[in-house]
Amino acid sequence: MISQIRKELIIFGILLIVLTLLMHPDMLSNPLERFEMMSRRANFAHPLLYTGVLYFITVVIRILGNTLVKFFKKDEKKQR
């Protein structure tokens, strides 16, 4: 259970970093300026919100994919 939570947190963190770099390429050149801008505007929640939405979409896709794989594996067993 703990390893599954750790795996999901790693996926969430990677999504957060990738989305940050895609949406704000200036994070690579001057991250302190970006963080100062965030603190002035007090918009700390939007990165987590966007990442959460994308994470939810990836979870749904993963669940559907696993369900389809299990469905087709059951069909193969029935045919034998």
C-alpha atoms as a PDB file:
ATOM      1  CA  MET A   1       0.000   0.000   0.000  1.00  0.00           C
ATOM      2  CA  ILE A   2       2.781   2.435   0.915  1.00  0.00           C
ATOM      3  CA  SER A   3       4.665   1.624  -2.283  1.00  0.00           C
ATOM      4  CA  GLN A   4       1.531   2.331  -4.336  1.00  0.00           C
ATOM      5  CA  ILE A   5       1.087   5.716  -2.631  1.00  0.00           C
ATOM      6  CA  ARG A   6       4.754   6.501  -3.210  1.00  0.00           C
ATOM      7  CA  LYS A   7       4.387   5.554  -6.898  1.00  0.00           C
ATOM      8  CA  GLU A   8       1.346   7.819  -7.310  1.00  0.00           C
ATOM      9  CA  LEU A   9       3.089  10.721  -5.549  1.00  0.00           C
ATOM     10  CA  ILE A  10       6.067  10.325  -7.886  1.00  0.00           C
ATOM     11  CA  ILE A  11       3.733  10.401 -10.904  1.00  0.00           C
ATOM     12  CA  PHE A  12       2.002  13.503  -9.511  1.00  0.00           C
ATOM     13  CA  GLY A  13       5.345  15.202  -8.862  1.00  0.00           C
ATOM     14  CA  ILE A  14       6.632  14.442 -12.346  1.00  0.00           C
ATOM     15  CA  LEU A  15       3.408  15.830 -13.841  1.00  0.00           C
ATOM     16  CA  LEU A  16       3.777  18.954 -11.700  1.00  0.00           C
ATOM     17  CA  ILE A  17       7.353  19.538 -12.848  1.00  0.00           C
ATOM     18  CA  VAL A  18       6.609  18.846 -16.523  1.00  0.00           C
ATOM     19  CA  LEU A  19       3.541  21.103 -16.546  1.00  0.00           C
ATOM     20  CA  THR A  20       5.471  23.846 -14.768  1.00  0.00           C
ATOM     21  CA  LEU A  21       8.235  23.756 -17.342  1.00  0.00           C
ATOM     22  CA  LEU A  22       5.801  23.615 -20.257  1.00  0.00           C
ATOM     23  CA  MET A  23       3.646  26.481 -19.020  1.00  0.00           C
ATOM     24  CA  HIS A  24       6.484  28.637 -17.646  1.00  0.00           C
ATOM     25  CA  PRO A  25       9.733  28.057 -19.544  1.00  0.00           C
ATOM     26  CA  ASP A  26      11.294  30.967 -17.616  1.00  0.00           C
ATOM     27  CA  MET A  27      11.452  28.662 -14.578  1.00  0.00           C
ATOM     28  CA  LEU A  28      14.709  27.282 -15.968  1.00  0.00           C
ATOM     29  CA  SER A  29      16.370  30.668 -16.355  1.00  0.00           C
ATOM     30  CA  ASN A  30      15.020  32.621 -13.373  1.00  0.00           C
ATOM     31  CA  PRO A  31      12.881  30.594 -10.940  1.00  0.00           C
ATOM     32  CA  LEU A  32      13.113  33.098  -8.067  1.00  0.00           C
ATOM     33  CA  GLU A  33      11.453  35.792 -10.145  1.00  0.00           C
ATOM     34  CA  ARG A  34       8.573  33.407 -10.963  1.00  0.00           C
ATOM     35  CA  PHE A  35       8.123  32.479  -7.284  1.00  0.00           C
ATOM     36  CA  GLU A  36       8.147  36.158  -6.282  1.00  0.00           C
ATOM     37  CA  MET A  37       5.471  36.835  -8.897  1.00  0.00           C
ATOM     38  CA  MET A  38       3.388  33.954  -7.516  1.00  0.00           C
ATOM     39  CA  SER A  39       3.685  35.270  -3.969  1.00  0.00           C
ATOM     40  CA  ARG A  40       2.713  38.814  -5.006  1.00  0.00           C
ATOM     41  CA  ARG A  41      -0.384  37.531  -6.785  1.00  0.00           C
ATOM     42  CA  ALA A  42      -1.107  34.892  -4.113  1.00  0.00           C
ATOM     43  CA  ASN A  43      -1.912  32.252  -6.705  1.00  0.00           C
ATOM     44  CA  PHE A  44      -0.312  29.186  -5.178  1.00  0.00           C
ATOM     45  CA  ALA A  45      -3.193  26.813  -5.900  1.00  0.00           C
ATOM     46  CA  HIS A  46      -3.325  26.924  -9.696  1.00  0.00           C
ATOM     47  CA  PRO A  47      -0.325  24.627 -10.324  1.00  0.00           C
ATOM     48  CA  LEU A  48      -1.791  22.000  -8.013  1.00  0.00           C
ATOM     49  CA  LEU A  49      -5.231  22.405  -9.564  1.00  0.00           C
ATOM     50  CA  TYR A  50      -3.984  21.930 -13.132  1.00  0.00           C
ATOM     51  CA  THR A  51      -1.792  19.017 -12.107  1.00  0.00           C
ATOM     52  CA  GLY A  52      -4.673  17.441 -10.200  1.00  0.00           C
ATOM     53  CA  VAL A  53      -6.947  17.628 -13.227  1.00  0.00           C
ATOM     54  CA  LEU A  54      -4.329  16.084 -15.512  1.00  0.00           C
ATOM     55  CA  TYR A  55      -3.506  13.437 -12.885  1.00  0.00           C
ATOM     56  CA  PHE A  56      -7.212  12.531 -12.643  1.00  0.00           C
ATOM     57  CA  ILE A  57      -7.370  12.149 -16.422  1.00  0.00           C
ATOM     58  CA  THR A  58      -4.295   9.897 -16.418  1.00  0.00           C
ATOM     59  CA  VAL A  59      -5.764   7.776 -13.610  1.00  0.00           C
ATOM     60  CA  VAL A  60      -8.982   7.306 -15.569  1.00  0.00           C
ATOM     61  CA  ILE A  61      -7.000   6.315 -18.673  1.00  0.00           C
ATOM     62  CA  ARG A  62      -4.885   3.878 -16.630  1.00  0.00           C
ATOM     63  CA  ILE A  63      -7.980   2.296 -15.065  1.00  0.00           C
ATOM     64  CA  LEU A  64      -9.674   1.930 -18.455  1.00  0.00           C
ATOM     65  CA  GLY A  65      -6.510   0.448 -19.929  1.00  0.00           C
ATOM     66  CA  ASN A  66      -6.141  -2.071 -17.090  1.00  0.00           C
ATOM     67  CA  THR A  67      -9.813  -3.010 -17.388  1.00  0.00           C
ATOM     68  CA  LEU A  68      -9.481  -3.609 -21.125  1.00  0.00           C
ATOM     69  CA  VAL A  69      -6.348  -5.716 -20.639  1.00  0.00           C
ATOM     70  CA  LYS A  70      -8.080  -7.840 -17.991  1.00  0.00           C
ATOM     71  CA  PHE A  71     -11.161  -8.183 -20.203  1.00  0.00           C
ATOM     72  CA  PHE A  72      -9.172  -9.473 -23.169  1.00  0.00           C
ATOM     73  CA  LYS A  73      -7.081 -11.785 -20.977  1.00  0.00           C
ATOM     74  CA  LYS A  74     -10.293 -13.373 -19.651  1.00  0.00           C
ATOM     75  CA  ASP A  75     -11.502 -13.897 -23.244  1.00  0.00           C
ATOM     76  CA  GLU A  76      -8.250 -15.663 -24.120  1.00  0.00           C
ATOM     77  CA  LYS A  77      -8.643 -18.029 -21.150  1.00  0.00           C
ATOM     78  CA  LYS A  78     -12.236 -18.846 -22.104  1.00  0.00           C
ATOM     79  CA  GLN A  79     -11.250 -19.709 -25.689  1.00  0.00           C
ATOM     80  CA  ARG A  80      -8.685 -22.316 -24.580  1.00  0.00           C
END
